[in-house]
Amino acid sequence: MNKNIMTFDEWAILGKDEGMERGHHKSVEHMFKMILEKNYKNYTALDLGCGNGWVVRKFKDYSLCDDAHGLDGANHMIKKAQKLDPQGTYFNENIESWNPIQKYDIIFSMETLYYFKKPEKIINKIYNDGLNEKGLFIMGIDHYAENFESLDWGTKFNLDITTLSITEWVGLFKQIGFNDVQFTQVESKENWKGTLIIKGTK
């Protein structure tokens, strides 16, 4: 088990997942508004790095979503998701070694991709193996080079983190082949640049 998965597993045991849900709620609302603008109907969705499954449950609350699944490397996060949503589909897999068994119309990721040494490999896997044609990938992250308040998180929270700038993240999306790549920053405040949201279509 890698360092990050161990940390998040401990956080699930300590109940910190609930605080993460509260802390990310407003940014996720912005992401859902951006998804709804695409007018997808009868779509399938995957939350990559789903934690306790709260975003998966949110997807399933929308009548236009046929089904939503969650995937996370932390065993206790997945156990919580399954307890809260016994009928749901959740995969306990390391995202780096994840091999999608189906494709989705939307892949969602909040506060996940900068935990990998080579996030471009994950984005490439999403594009080639995880998304249907015309599918949407949307991610939100709070740790990026311009958000100075986040730059000590690796040491502070015992995590391995990759720090990229907004330009570098957007460049990865375009380099891998995503179309109509757009980004925005939401919920910013003094000394906090907010959540960086990037979306692109296959």
Protein backbone atom coordinates (compact mmCIF):
# COMPACT_ATOMS: atom_id res chain seq x y z
CA MET A 1 0.00 0.00 0.00
CA ASN A 2 1.51 3.36 -0.97
CA LYS A 3 1.92 6.31 1.38
CA ASN A 4 -1.10 8.26 0.15
CA ILE A 5 -3.49 5.29 0.26
CA MET A 6 -2.34 4.54 3.82
CA THR A 7 -3.00 8.13 4.86
CA PHE A 8 -6.49 8.22 3.35
CA ASP A 9 -7.26 4.82 4.85
CA GLU A 10 -6.38 6.23 8.27
CA TRP A 11 -8.51 9.31 7.58
CA ALA A 12 -11.51 7.11 6.80
CA ILE A 13 -11.05 5.26 10.10
CA LEU A 14 -10.85 8.60 11.93
CA GLY A 15 -13.95 9.96 10.18
CA LYS A 16 -12.08 12.72 8.36
CA ASP A 17 -13.90 11.82 5.13
CA GLU A 18 -16.95 13.69 6.42
CA GLY A 19 -14.91 16.85 6.82
CA MET A 20 -13.54 16.42 3.30
CA GLU A 21 -17.10 16.15 2.00
CA ARG A 22 -18.13 19.37 3.78
CA GLY A 23 -14.98 21.18 2.68
CA HIS A 24 -15.37 20.27 -0.99
CA HIS A 25 -19.15 20.59 -1.24
CA LYS A 26 -19.28 24.09 -2.75
CA SER A 27 -16.61 23.38 -5.35
CA VAL A 28 -18.36 20.16 -6.37
CA GLU A 29 -21.59 22.13 -6.84
CA HIS A 30 -19.76 24.28 -9.38
CA MET A 31 -18.54 21.14 -11.15
CA PHE A 32 -22.05 19.72 -11.33
CA LYS A 33 -23.35 22.96 -12.86
CA MET A 34 -20.69 22.63 -15.56
CA ILE A 35 -21.73 19.02 -16.19
CA LEU A 36 -25.40 19.93 -16.45
CA GLU A 37 -24.56 22.55 -19.09
CA LYS A 38 -23.52 19.68 -21.39
CA ASN A 39 -27.11 18.32 -21.39
CA TYR A 40 -26.10 14.68 -21.09
CA LYS A 41 -29.06 12.29 -20.86
CA ASN A 42 -29.14 8.70 -19.63
CA TYR A 43 -25.44 8.92 -18.94
CA THR A 44 -23.07 6.80 -16.88
CA ALA A 45 -20.51 8.31 -14.53
CA LEU A 46 -17.44 7.29 -12.57
CA ASP A 47 -15.97 9.16 -9.61
CA LEU A 48 -12.22 8.53 -9.59
CA GLY A 49 -10.99 8.82 -6.01
CA CYS A 50 -14.53 8.58 -4.64
CA GLY A 51 -13.77 8.49 -0.91
CA ASN A 52 -16.94 7.59 0.97
CA GLY A 53 -18.98 7.78 -2.24
CA TRP A 54 -20.80 11.05 -1.60
CA VAL A 55 -20.34 12.31 -5.18
CA VAL A 56 -21.48 8.94 -6.57
CA ARG A 57 -24.66 9.25 -4.52
CA LYS A 58 -25.06 12.81 -5.76
CA PHE A 59 -24.83 11.63 -9.37
CA LYS A 60 -27.42 8.94 -8.71
CA ASP A 61 -29.81 11.56 -7.33
CA TYR A 62 -29.98 13.12 -10.79
CA SER A 63 -32.71 11.49 -12.87
CA LEU A 64 -30.70 11.92 -16.08
CA CYS A 65 -27.91 9.72 -14.72
CA ASP A 66 -28.50 6.04 -15.49
CA ASP A 67 -25.78 4.79 -13.17
CA ALA A 68 -22.70 5.99 -11.29
CA HIS A 69 -19.76 4.03 -9.91
CA GLY A 70 -16.93 4.92 -7.55
CA LEU A 71 -13.29 3.88 -7.37
CA ASP A 72 -10.79 4.47 -4.59
CA GLY A 73 -7.55 2.90 -3.40
CA ALA A 74 -8.34 3.26 0.32
CA ASN A 75 -10.09 0.15 1.59
CA HIS A 76 -11.86 1.84 4.49
CA MET A 77 -13.17 4.60 2.23
CA ILE A 78 -14.76 1.98 -0.02
CA LYS A 79 -16.18 0.13 3.01
CA LYS A 80 -17.85 3.37 4.11
CA ALA A 81 -19.20 3.96 0.60
CA GLN A 82 -20.67 0.46 0.48
CA LYS A 83 -22.23 0.87 3.93
CA LEU A 84 -23.84 4.19 2.95
CA ASP A 85 -24.93 2.91 -0.47
CA PRO A 86 -25.39 -0.89 -0.28
CA GLN A 87 -26.83 -1.08 -3.80
CA GLY A 88 -24.01 0.95 -5.31
CA THR A 89 -21.00 -0.21 -7.30
CA TYR A 90 -17.63 0.66 -5.79
CA PHE A 91 -14.19 -0.59 -6.76
CA ASN A 92 -11.32 -0.78 -4.27
CA GLU A 93 -8.41 -0.38 -6.68
CA ASN A 94 -5.20 1.60 -6.90
CA ILE A 95 -5.93 4.18 -9.60
CA GLU A 96 -2.42 3.79 -11.05
CA SER A 97 -2.98 0.08 -11.79
CA TRP A 98 -6.71 0.44 -12.56
CA ASN A 99 -7.84 -1.19 -15.79
CA PRO A 100 -11.34 0.00 -16.70
CA ILE A 101 -13.82 -2.81 -17.36
CA GLN A 102 -16.27 -0.44 -19.02
CA LYS A 103 -16.40 3.06 -20.46
CA TYR A 104 -18.34 6.01 -19.07
CA ASP A 105 -19.92 9.16 -20.43
CA ILE A 106 -18.54 11.25 -17.56
CA ILE A 107 -15.47 10.70 -15.40
CA PHE A 108 -15.29 12.97 -12.39
CA SER A 109 -12.37 13.52 -10.04
CA MET A 110 -12.13 15.82 -7.02
CA GLU A 111 -8.85 16.26 -5.15
CA THR A 112 -7.15 13.17 -6.56
CA LEU A 113 -4.84 13.58 -9.55
CA TYR A 114 -2.01 15.47 -7.89
CA TYR A 115 -1.39 12.47 -5.62
CA PHE A 116 0.32 10.66 -8.51
CA LYS A 117 3.91 11.13 -9.65
CA LYS A 118 2.81 11.03 -13.28
CA PRO A 119 -0.77 12.31 -13.47
CA GLU A 120 -0.51 12.37 -17.26
CA LYS A 121 -0.60 8.55 -17.21
CA ILE A 122 -3.91 8.62 -15.34
CA ILE A 123 -5.38 11.25 -17.67
CA ASN A 124 -4.22 9.24 -20.68
CA LYS A 125 -5.88 6.12 -19.26
CA ILE A 126 -9.10 8.08 -18.69
CA TYR A 127 -9.05 9.35 -22.28
CA ASN A 128 -8.19 6.08 -24.03
CA ASP A 129 -9.73 3.43 -21.80
CA GLY A 130 -12.27 5.08 -19.51
CA LEU A 131 -14.38 7.44 -21.63
CA ASN A 132 -16.94 6.87 -24.34
CA GLU A 133 -16.69 8.97 -27.49
CA LYS A 134 -17.79 12.56 -26.74
CA GLY A 135 -17.35 11.71 -23.06
CA LEU A 136 -16.44 14.38 -20.50
CA PHE A 137 -13.61 14.36 -17.99
CA ILE A 138 -13.86 16.98 -15.27
CA MET A 139 -11.49 17.36 -12.36
CA GLY A 140 -11.17 19.70 -9.40
CA ILE A 141 -7.98 20.24 -7.40
CA ASP A 142 -7.02 22.57 -4.56
CA HIS A 143 -3.27 21.93 -4.78
CA TYR A 144 -1.55 23.65 -7.71
CA ALA A 145 1.43 25.95 -8.06
CA GLU A 146 -0.52 29.21 -7.99
CA ASN A 147 -2.39 28.27 -4.79
CA PHE A 148 0.45 29.08 -2.40
CA GLU A 149 -1.48 28.09 0.73
CA SER A 150 -1.53 24.47 -0.49
CA LEU A 151 2.16 24.09 -1.24
CA ASP A 152 3.12 22.63 2.16
CA TRP A 153 0.48 19.90 2.15
CA GLY A 154 2.91 17.09 1.34
CA THR A 155 4.85 17.62 4.56
CA LYS A 156 1.86 18.77 6.61
CA PHE A 157 -0.36 15.77 5.81
CA ASN A 158 2.25 13.06 5.11
CA LEU A 159 1.42 12.81 1.40
CA ASP A 160 3.37 12.43 -1.84
CA ILE A 161 2.25 15.27 -4.08
CA THR A 162 2.96 16.47 -7.62
CA THR A 163 2.80 20.25 -8.00
CA LEU A 164 1.91 21.63 -11.43
CA SER A 165 0.82 25.07 -12.59
CA ILE A 166 -2.53 25.82 -14.21
CA THR A 167 -0.79 26.05 -17.59
CA GLU A 168 0.84 22.64 -17.07
CA TRP A 169 -2.43 20.95 -16.08
CA VAL A 170 -4.31 22.44 -19.03
CA GLY A 171 -1.41 21.44 -21.28
CA LEU A 172 -1.71 17.80 -20.18
CA PHE A 173 -5.38 17.72 -21.15
CA LYS A 174 -4.61 19.16 -24.59
CA GLN A 175 -1.51 17.04 -25.16
CA ILE A 176 -3.45 13.83 -24.47
CA GLY A 177 -6.13 14.80 -26.96
CA PHE A 178 -9.02 16.39 -25.11
CA ASN A 179 -11.10 18.91 -27.03
CA ASP A 180 -12.78 22.08 -25.77
CA VAL A 181 -10.50 22.21 -22.72
CA GLN A 182 -11.66 24.86 -20.28
CA PHE A 183 -10.62 25.85 -16.77
CA THR A 184 -11.87 28.08 -14.00
CA GLN A 185 -11.09 28.81 -10.35
CA VAL A 186 -13.96 28.83 -7.84
CA GLU A 187 -14.48 29.56 -4.16
CA SER A 188 -11.38 31.72 -3.89
CA LYS A 189 -10.83 34.01 -0.92
CA GLU A 190 -8.00 35.99 0.66
CA ASN A 191 -4.74 34.02 0.41
CA TRP A 192 -6.60 31.11 -1.22
CA LYS A 193 -6.78 30.84 -5.00
CA GLY A 194 -9.70 28.42 -4.85
CA THR A 195 -10.42 25.10 -6.51
CA LEU A 196 -9.03 24.74 -10.01
CA ILE A 197 -11.59 23.01 -12.25
CA ILE A 198 -10.56 21.70 -15.67
CA LYS A 199 -12.80 19.90 -18.12
CA GLY A 200 -12.30 18.41 -21.56
CA THR A 201 -14.27 16.32 -24.05
CA LYS A 202 -13.03 13.24 -25.86
